[in-house]
Amino acid sequence: ALYWVFLAGTVLTPPVVCLIALNLDWVVANAGH
């Protein structure tokens, strides 16, 4: 199970970071929460 979790994390981390970069205004607005 941990193998699959870490493998999914490896694959999903770059697109999530791209989404964060494309939505920085929302991320910064919610950073205090």
PDB file of all heavy atoms in Angstrom:
ATOM      1  N   ALA A   1       0.833  -1.209   0.000  1.00  0.00           N
ATOM      2  CA  ALA A   1       0.000   0.000   0.000  1.00  0.00           C
ATOM      3  C   ALA A   1       0.867   1.258   0.000  1.00  0.00           C
ATOM      4  O   ALA A   1       0.606   2.210  -0.749  1.00  0.00           O
ATOM      5  CB  ALA A   1      -0.929  -0.001   1.214  1.00  0.00           C
ATOM      6  N   LEU A   2       1.917   1.259   0.812  1.00  0.00           N
ATOM      7  CA  LEU A   2       2.812   2.422   0.850  1.00  0.00           C
ATOM      8  C   LEU A   2       3.551   2.589  -0.470  1.00  0.00           C
ATOM      9  O   LEU A   2       3.807   3.720  -0.903  1.00  0.00           O
ATOM     10  CB  LEU A   2       3.790   2.307   2.014  1.00  0.00           C
ATOM     11  CG  LEU A   2       3.164   2.543   3.385  1.00  0.00           C
ATOM     12  CD1 LEU A   2       4.157   2.219   4.489  1.00  0.00           C
ATOM     13  CD2 LEU A   2       2.643   3.960   3.503  1.00  0.00           C
ATOM     14  N   TYR A   3       3.885   1.474  -1.127  1.00  0.00           N
ATOM     15  CA  TYR A   3       4.489   1.551  -2.453  1.00  0.00           C
ATOM     16  C   TYR A   3       3.596   2.375  -3.381  1.00  0.00           C
ATOM     17  O   TYR A   3       4.042   3.286  -4.061  1.00  0.00           O
ATOM     18  CB  TYR A   3       4.718   0.146  -3.017  1.00  0.00           C
ATOM     19  CG  TYR A   3       5.003   0.140  -4.495  1.00  0.00           C
ATOM     20  CD1 TYR A   3       6.270   0.445  -4.966  1.00  0.00           C
ATOM     21  CD2 TYR A   3       3.994  -0.153  -5.414  1.00  0.00           C
ATOM     22  CE1 TYR A   3       6.534   0.459  -6.330  1.00  0.00           C
ATOM     23  CE2 TYR A   3       4.245  -0.152  -6.768  1.00  0.00           C
ATOM     24  CZ  TYR A   3       5.519   0.160  -7.225  1.00  0.00           C
ATOM     25  OH  TYR A   3       5.777   0.184  -8.578  1.00  0.00           O
ATOM     26  N   TRP A   4       2.302   2.044  -3.401  1.00  0.00           N
ATOM     27  CA  TRP A   4       1.365   2.739  -4.298  1.00  0.00           C
ATOM     28  C   TRP A   4       1.147   4.187  -3.885  1.00  0.00           C
ATOM     29  O   TRP A   4       1.023   5.076  -4.737  1.00  0.00           O
ATOM     30  CB  TRP A   4       0.044   1.981  -4.387  1.00  0.00           C
ATOM     31  CG  TRP A   4       0.203   0.727  -5.186  1.00  0.00           C
ATOM     32  CD1 TRP A   4       0.198  -0.552  -4.720  1.00  0.00           C
ATOM     33  CD2 TRP A   4       0.442   0.632  -6.603  1.00  0.00           C
ATOM     34  NE1 TRP A   4       0.402  -1.438  -5.752  1.00  0.00           N
ATOM     35  CE2 TRP A   4       0.556  -0.727  -6.922  1.00  0.00           C
ATOM     36  CE3 TRP A   4       0.561   1.569  -7.625  1.00  0.00           C
ATOM     37  CZ2 TRP A   4       0.784  -1.191  -8.211  1.00  0.00           C
ATOM     38  CZ3 TRP A   4       0.786   1.120  -8.919  1.00  0.00           C
ATOM     39  CH2 TRP A   4       0.894  -0.241  -9.194  1.00  0.00           C
ATOM     40  N   VAL A   5       1.117   4.443  -2.590  1.00  0.00           N
ATOM     41  CA  VAL A   5       0.953   5.820  -2.108  1.00  0.00           C
ATOM     42  C   VAL A   5       2.136   6.678  -2.544  1.00  0.00           C
ATOM     43  O   VAL A   5       1.957   7.783  -3.075  1.00  0.00           O
ATOM     44  CB  VAL A   5       0.800   5.850  -0.569  1.00  0.00           C
ATOM     45  CG1 VAL A   5       0.952   7.259  -0.012  1.00  0.00           C
ATOM     46  CG2 VAL A   5      -0.542   5.253  -0.159  1.00  0.00           C
ATOM     47  N   PHE A   6       3.350   6.167  -2.341  1.00  0.00           N
ATOM     48  CA  PHE A   6       4.533   6.937  -2.705  1.00  0.00           C
ATOM     49  C   PHE A   6       4.684   7.058  -4.218  1.00  0.00           C
ATOM     50  O   PHE A   6       5.119   8.092  -4.725  1.00  0.00           O
ATOM     51  CB  PHE A   6       5.798   6.341  -2.075  1.00  0.00           C
ATOM     52  CG  PHE A   6       5.837   6.510  -0.577  1.00  0.00           C
ATOM     53  CD1 PHE A   6       6.085   5.420   0.244  1.00  0.00           C
ATOM     54  CD2 PHE A   6       5.628   7.740   0.024  1.00  0.00           C
ATOM     55  CE1 PHE A   6       6.127   5.562   1.623  1.00  0.00           C
ATOM     56  CE2 PHE A   6       5.664   7.900   1.398  1.00  0.00           C
ATOM     57  CZ  PHE A   6       5.914   6.806   2.202  1.00  0.00           C
ATOM     58  N   LEU A   7       4.305   6.021  -4.936  1.00  0.00           N
ATOM     59  CA  LEU A   7       4.346   6.094  -6.399  1.00  0.00           C
ATOM     60  C   LEU A   7       3.349   7.141  -6.904  1.00  0.00           C
ATOM     61  O   LEU A   7       3.678   7.959  -7.773  1.00  0.00           O
ATOM     62  CB  LEU A   7       4.048   4.726  -7.005  1.00  0.00           C
ATOM     63  CG  LEU A   7       4.243   4.604  -8.513  1.00  0.00           C
ATOM     64  CD1 LEU A   7       5.688   4.873  -8.893  1.00  0.00           C
ATOM     65  CD2 LEU A   7       3.818   3.222  -8.984  1.00  0.00           C
ATOM     66  N   ALA A   8       2.149   7.140  -6.334  1.00  0.00           N
ATOM     67  CA  ALA A   8       1.150   8.154  -6.711  1.00  0.00           C
ATOM     68  C   ALA A   8       1.646   9.553  -6.364  1.00  0.00           C
ATOM     69  O   ALA A   8       1.476  10.498  -7.151  1.00  0.00           O
ATOM     70  CB  ALA A   8      -0.172   7.870  -6.008  1.00  0.00           C
ATOM     71  N   GLY A   9       2.288   9.691  -5.220  1.00  0.00           N
ATOM     72  CA  GLY A   9       2.855  10.990  -4.834  1.00  0.00           C
ATOM     73  C   GLY A   9       3.910  11.464  -5.813  1.00  0.00           C
ATOM     74  O   GLY A   9       3.977  12.652  -6.157  1.00  0.00           O
ATOM     75  N   THR A  10       4.724  10.537  -6.296  1.00  0.00           N
ATOM     76  CA  THR A  10       5.760  10.871  -7.270  1.00  0.00           C
ATOM     77  C   THR A  10       5.136  11.412  -8.552  1.00  0.00           C
ATOM     78  O   THR A  10       5.603  12.395  -9.124  1.00  0.00           O
ATOM     79  CB  THR A  10       6.608   9.622  -7.596  1.00  0.00           C
ATOM     80  OG1 THR A  10       7.162   9.098  -6.397  1.00  0.00           O
ATOM     81  CG2 THR A  10       7.729   9.964  -8.552  1.00  0.00           C
ATOM     82  N   VAL A  11       4.063  10.768  -8.993  1.00  0.00           N
ATOM     83  CA  VAL A  11       3.407  11.157 -10.247  1.00  0.00           C
ATOM     84  C   VAL A  11       2.572  12.429 -10.076  1.00  0.00           C
ATOM     85  O   VAL A  11       2.545  13.279 -10.968  1.00  0.00           O
ATOM     86  CB  VAL A  11       2.530   9.992 -10.761  1.00  0.00           C
ATOM     87  CG1 VAL A  11       1.688  10.412 -11.939  1.00  0.00           C
ATOM     88  CG2 VAL A  11       3.404   8.787 -11.109  1.00  0.00           C
ATOM     89  N   LEU A  12       1.910  12.588  -8.948  1.00  0.00           N
ATOM     90  CA  LEU A  12       0.974  13.696  -8.758  1.00  0.00           C
ATOM     91  C   LEU A  12       1.617  14.997  -8.282  1.00  0.00           C
ATOM     92  O   LEU A  12       1.036  16.076  -8.483  1.00  0.00           O
ATOM     93  CB  LEU A  12      -0.126  13.287  -7.770  1.00  0.00           C
ATOM     94  CG  LEU A  12      -1.052  12.176  -8.250  1.00  0.00           C
ATOM     95  CD1 LEU A  12      -2.029  11.782  -7.147  1.00  0.00           C
ATOM     96  CD2 LEU A  12      -1.793  12.605  -9.503  1.00  0.00           C
ATOM     97  N   THR A  13       2.786  14.926  -7.675  1.00  0.00           N
ATOM     98  CA  THR A  13       3.405  16.139  -7.137  1.00  0.00           C
ATOM     99  C   THR A  13       3.681  17.197  -8.202  1.00  0.00           C
ATOM    100  O   THR A  13       3.308  18.361  -8.004  1.00  0.00           O
ATOM    101  CB  THR A  13       4.684  15.784  -6.350  1.00  0.00           C
ATOM    102  OG1 THR A  13       4.310  14.975  -5.226  1.00  0.00           O
ATOM    103  CG2 THR A  13       5.409  17.017  -5.861  1.00  0.00           C
ATOM    104  N   PRO A  14       4.299  16.874  -9.338  1.00  0.00           N
ATOM    105  CA  PRO A  14       4.543  17.942 -10.328  1.00  0.00           C
ATOM    106  C   PRO A  14       3.274  18.631 -10.842  1.00  0.00           C
ATOM    107  O   PRO A  14       3.234  19.877 -10.878  1.00  0.00           O
ATOM    108  CB  PRO A  14       5.301  17.224 -11.452  1.00  0.00           C
ATOM    109  CG  PRO A  14       5.962  16.074 -10.772  1.00  0.00           C
ATOM    110  CD  PRO A  14       4.984  15.633  -9.724  1.00  0.00           C
ATOM    111  N   PRO A  15       2.207  17.887 -11.203  1.00  0.00           N
ATOM    112  CA  PRO A  15       1.010  18.615 -11.642  1.00  0.00           C
ATOM    113  C   PRO A  15       0.381  19.469 -10.542  1.00  0.00           C
ATOM    114  O   PRO A  15      -0.149  20.541 -10.820  1.00  0.00           O
ATOM    115  CB  PRO A  15       0.042  17.524 -12.096  1.00  0.00           C
ATOM    116  CG  PRO A  15       0.734  16.243 -11.992  1.00  0.00           C
ATOM    117  CD  PRO A  15       2.072  16.451 -11.403  1.00  0.00           C
ATOM    118  N   VAL A  16       0.449  19.006  -9.298  1.00  0.00           N
ATOM    119  CA  VAL A  16      -0.093  19.800  -8.189  1.00  0.00           C
ATOM    120  C   VAL A  16       0.699  21.094  -8.036  1.00  0.00           C
ATOM    121  O   VAL A  16       0.120  22.174  -7.846  1.00  0.00           O
ATOM    122  CB  VAL A  16      -0.106  18.980  -6.877  1.00  0.00           C
ATOM    123  CG1 VAL A  16      -0.365  19.870  -5.669  1.00  0.00           C
ATOM    124  CG2 VAL A  16      -1.148  17.874  -6.953  1.00  0.00           C
ATOM    125  N   VAL A  17       2.016  21.009  -8.147  1.00  0.00           N
ATOM    126  CA  VAL A  17       2.843  22.216  -8.051  1.00  0.00           C
ATOM    127  C   VAL A  17       2.528  23.165  -9.207  1.00  0.00           C
ATOM    128  O   VAL A  17       2.463  24.383  -9.017  1.00  0.00           O
ATOM    129  CB  VAL A  17       4.346  21.850  -7.996  1.00  0.00           C
ATOM    130  CG1 VAL A  17       5.229  23.080  -8.146  1.00  0.00           C
ATOM    131  CG2 VAL A  17       4.655  21.139  -6.681  1.00  0.00           C
ATOM    132  N   CYS A  18       2.293  22.628 -10.393  1.00  0.00           N
ATOM    133  CA  CYS A  18       1.897  23.475 -11.535  1.00  0.00           C
ATOM    134  C   CYS A  18       0.561  24.162 -11.253  1.00  0.00           C
ATOM    135  O   CYS A  18       0.403  25.358 -11.539  1.00  0.00           O
ATOM    136  CB  CYS A  18       1.808  22.651 -12.816  1.00  0.00           C
ATOM    137  SG  CYS A  18       3.409  22.154 -13.454  1.00  0.00           S
ATOM    138  N   LEU A  19      -0.387  23.434 -10.678  1.00  0.00           N
ATOM    139  CA  LEU A  19      -1.676  24.039 -10.321  1.00  0.00           C
ATOM    140  C   LEU A  19      -1.503  25.146  -9.282  1.00  0.00           C
ATOM    141  O   LEU A  19      -2.178  26.179  -9.341  1.00  0.00           O
ATOM    142  CB  LEU A  19      -2.639  22.979  -9.794  1.00  0.00           C
ATOM    143  CG  LEU A  19      -3.285  22.081 -10.833  1.00  0.00           C
ATOM    144  CD1 LEU A  19      -4.076  20.966 -10.164  1.00  0.00           C
ATOM    145  CD2 LEU A  19      -4.180  22.890 -11.759  1.00  0.00           C
ATOM    146  N   ILE A  20      -0.611  24.918  -8.334  1.00  0.00           N
ATOM    147  CA  ILE A  20      -0.332  25.939  -7.328  1.00  0.00           C
ATOM    148  C   ILE A  20       0.224  27.187  -8.003  1.00  0.00           C
ATOM    149  O   ILE A  20      -0.208  28.309  -7.723  1.00  0.00           O
ATOM    150  CB  ILE A  20       0.641  25.398  -6.254  1.00  0.00           C
ATOM    151  CG1 ILE A  20      -0.061  24.361  -5.390  1.00  0.00           C
ATOM    152  CG2 ILE A  20       1.197  26.533  -5.396  1.00  0.00           C
ATOM    153  CD1 ILE A  20       0.860  23.569  -4.488  1.00  0.00           C
ATOM    154  N   ALA A  21       1.186  27.005  -8.910  1.00  0.00           N
ATOM    155  CA  ALA A  21       1.793  28.153  -9.596  1.00  0.00           C
ATOM    156  C   ALA A  21       0.772  28.899 -10.439  1.00  0.00           C
ATOM    157  O   ALA A  21       0.825  30.129 -10.549  1.00  0.00           O
ATOM    158  CB  ALA A  21       2.966  27.690 -10.461  1.00  0.00           C
ATOM    159  N   LEU A  22      -0.174  28.190 -11.020  1.00  0.00           N
ATOM    160  CA  LEU A  22      -1.198  28.838 -11.850  1.00  0.00           C
ATOM    161  C   LEU A  22      -2.293  29.507 -11.019  1.00  0.00           C
ATOM    162  O   LEU A  22      -3.066  30.303 -11.547  1.00  0.00           O
ATOM    163  CB  LEU A  22      -1.821  27.811 -12.797  1.00  0.00           C
ATOM    164  CG  LEU A  22      -0.892  27.271 -13.877  1.00  0.00           C
ATOM    165  CD1 LEU A  22      -1.575  26.159 -14.665  1.00  0.00           C
ATOM    166  CD2 LEU A  22      -0.428  28.387 -14.803  1.00  0.00           C
ATOM    167  N   ASN A  23      -2.382  29.153  -9.738  1.00  0.00           N
ATOM    168  CA  ASN A  23      -3.415  29.709  -8.852  1.00  0.00           C
ATOM    169  C   ASN A  23      -2.805  30.365  -7.625  1.00  0.00           C
ATOM    170  O   ASN A  23      -3.338  30.249  -6.516  1.00  0.00           O
ATOM    171  CB  ASN A  23      -4.382  28.598  -8.432  1.00  0.00           C
ATOM    172  CG  ASN A  23      -5.146  28.040  -9.599  1.00  0.00           C
ATOM    173  OD1 ASN A  23      -6.010  28.721 -10.132  1.00  0.00           O
ATOM    174  ND2 ASN A  23      -4.796  26.846 -10.023  1.00  0.00           N
ATOM    175  N   LEU A  24      -1.686  31.056  -7.810  1.00  0.00           N
ATOM    176  CA  LEU A  24      -0.979  31.650  -6.675  1.00  0.00           C
ATOM    177  C   LEU A  24      -1.831  32.651  -5.907  1.00  0.00           C
ATOM    178  O   LEU A  24      -1.714  32.746  -4.689  1.00  0.00           O
ATOM    179  CB  LEU A  24       0.303  32.335  -7.158  1.00  0.00           C
ATOM    180  CG  LEU A  24       1.487  31.414  -7.369  1.00  0.00           C
ATOM    181  CD1 LEU A  24       2.639  32.171  -7.986  1.00  0.00           C
ATOM    182  CD2 LEU A  24       1.915  30.786  -6.062  1.00  0.00           C
ATOM    183  N   ASP A  25      -2.670  33.402  -6.607  1.00  0.00           N
ATOM    184  CA  ASP A  25      -3.490  34.385  -5.898  1.00  0.00           C
ATOM    185  C   ASP A  25      -4.408  33.694  -4.894  1.00  0.00           C
ATOM    186  O   ASP A  25      -4.547  34.128  -3.749  1.00  0.00           O
ATOM    187  CB  ASP A  25      -4.282  35.256  -6.868  1.00  0.00           C
ATOM    188  CG  ASP A  25      -4.992  34.466  -7.956  1.00  0.00           C
ATOM    189  OD1 ASP A  25      -4.782  33.238  -8.043  1.00  0.00           O
ATOM    190  OD2 ASP A  25      -5.754  35.083  -8.714  1.00  0.00           O
ATOM    191  N   TRP A  26      -5.031  32.579  -5.274  1.00  0.00           N
ATOM    192  CA  TRP A  26      -5.888  31.833  -4.365  1.00  0.00           C
ATOM    193  C   TRP A  26      -5.075  31.215  -3.229  1.00  0.00           C
ATOM    194  O   TRP A  26      -5.479  31.256  -2.072  1.00  0.00           O
ATOM    195  CB  TRP A  26      -6.640  30.739  -5.130  1.00  0.00           C
ATOM    196  CG  TRP A  26      -7.556  29.956  -4.248  1.00  0.00           C
ATOM    197  CD1 TRP A  26      -8.843  30.281  -3.916  1.00  0.00           C
ATOM    198  CD2 TRP A  26      -7.256  28.743  -3.560  1.00  0.00           C
ATOM    199  NE1 TRP A  26      -9.367  29.326  -3.070  1.00  0.00           N
ATOM    200  CE2 TRP A  26      -8.400  28.373  -2.829  1.00  0.00           C
ATOM    201  CE3 TRP A  26      -6.119  27.933  -3.487  1.00  0.00           C
ATOM    202  CZ2 TRP A  26      -8.455  27.236  -2.038  1.00  0.00           C
ATOM    203  CZ3 TRP A  26      -6.170  26.796  -2.692  1.00  0.00           C
ATOM    204  CH2 TRP A  26      -7.324  26.455  -1.977  1.00  0.00           C
ATOM    205  N   VAL A  27      -3.912  30.643  -3.554  1.00  0.00           N
ATOM    206  CA  VAL A  27      -3.069  29.996  -2.543  1.00  0.00           C
ATOM    207  C   VAL A  27      -2.624  31.012  -1.501  1.00  0.00           C
ATOM    208  O   VAL A  27      -2.706  30.769  -0.302  1.00  0.00           O
ATOM    209  CB  VAL A  27      -1.852  29.300  -3.203  1.00  0.00           C
ATOM    210  CG1 VAL A  27      -0.871  28.822  -2.159  1.00  0.00           C
ATOM    211  CG2 VAL A  27      -2.311  28.150  -4.070  1.00  0.00           C
ATOM    212  N   VAL A  28      -2.172  32.184  -1.962  1.00  0.00           N
ATOM    213  CA  VAL A  28      -1.713  33.218  -1.029  1.00  0.00           C
ATOM    214  C   VAL A  28      -2.881  33.726  -0.190  1.00  0.00           C
ATOM    215  O   VAL A  28      -2.742  33.937   1.016  1.00  0.00           O
ATOM    216  CB  VAL A  28      -1.028  34.374  -1.796  1.00  0.00           C
ATOM    217  CG1 VAL A  28      -0.755  35.546  -0.878  1.00  0.00           C
ATOM    218  CG2 VAL A  28       0.266  33.876  -2.422  1.00  0.00           C
ATOM    219  N   ALA A  29      -4.047  33.894  -0.788  1.00  0.00           N
ATOM    220  CA  ALA A  29      -5.214  34.377  -0.050  1.00  0.00           C
ATOM    221  C   ALA A  29      -5.634  33.395   1.043  1.00  0.00           C
ATOM    222  O   ALA A  29      -6.168  33.807   2.073  1.00  0.00           O
ATOM    223  CB  ALA A  29      -6.379  34.611  -1.017  1.00  0.00           C
ATOM    224  N   ASN A  30      -5.373  32.111   0.854  1.00  0.00           N
ATOM    225  CA  ASN A  30      -5.771  31.096   1.830  1.00  0.00           C
ATOM    226  C   ASN A  30      -4.616  30.598   2.694  1.00  0.00           C
ATOM    227  O   ASN A  30      -4.806  29.694   3.493  1.00  0.00           O
ATOM    228  CB  ASN A  30      -6.423  29.915   1.101  1.00  0.00           C
ATOM    229  CG  ASN A  30      -7.769  30.302   0.541  1.00  0.00           C
ATOM    230  OD1 ASN A  30      -8.709  30.506   1.287  1.00  0.00           O
ATOM    231  ND2 ASN A  30      -7.841  30.455  -0.765  1.00  0.00           N
ATOM    232  N   ALA A  31      -3.427  31.189   2.538  1.00  0.00           N
ATOM    233  CA  ALA A  31      -2.253  30.720   3.279  1.00  0.00           C
ATOM    234  C   ALA A  31      -2.408  30.917   4.775  1.00  0.00           C
ATOM    235  O   ALA A  31      -1.895  30.135   5.562  1.00  0.00           O
ATOM    236  CB  ALA A  31      -0.993  31.426   2.782  1.00  0.00           C
ATOM    237  N   GLY A  32      -3.126  31.922   5.192  1.00  0.00           N
ATOM    238  CA  GLY A  32      -3.315  32.172   6.616  1.00  0.00           C
ATOM    239  C   GLY A  32      -4.215  31.160   7.289  1.00  0.00           C
ATOM    240  O   GLY A  32      -4.303  31.105   8.498  1.00  0.00           O
ATOM    241  N   HIS A  33      -4.888  30.338   6.507  1.00  0.00           N
ATOM    242  CA  HIS A  33      -5.812  29.342   7.056  1.00  0.00           C
ATOM    243  C   HIS A  33      -5.157  27.970   7.156  1.00  0.00           C
ATOM    244  O   HIS A  33      -5.840  26.956   7.134  1.00  0.00           O
ATOM    245  CB  HIS A  33      -7.065  29.257   6.183  1.00  0.00           C
ATOM    246  CG  HIS A  33      -7.753  30.574   6.016  1.00  0.00           C
ATOM    247  ND1 HIS A  33      -8.395  31.212   7.047  1.00  0.00           N
ATOM    248  CD2 HIS A  33      -7.852  31.392   4.938  1.00  0.00           C
ATOM    249  CE1 HIS A  33      -8.881  32.356   6.614  1.00  0.00           C
ATOM    250  NE2 HIS A  33      -8.570  32.490   5.341  1.00  0.00           N
TER     251      HIS A  33
END
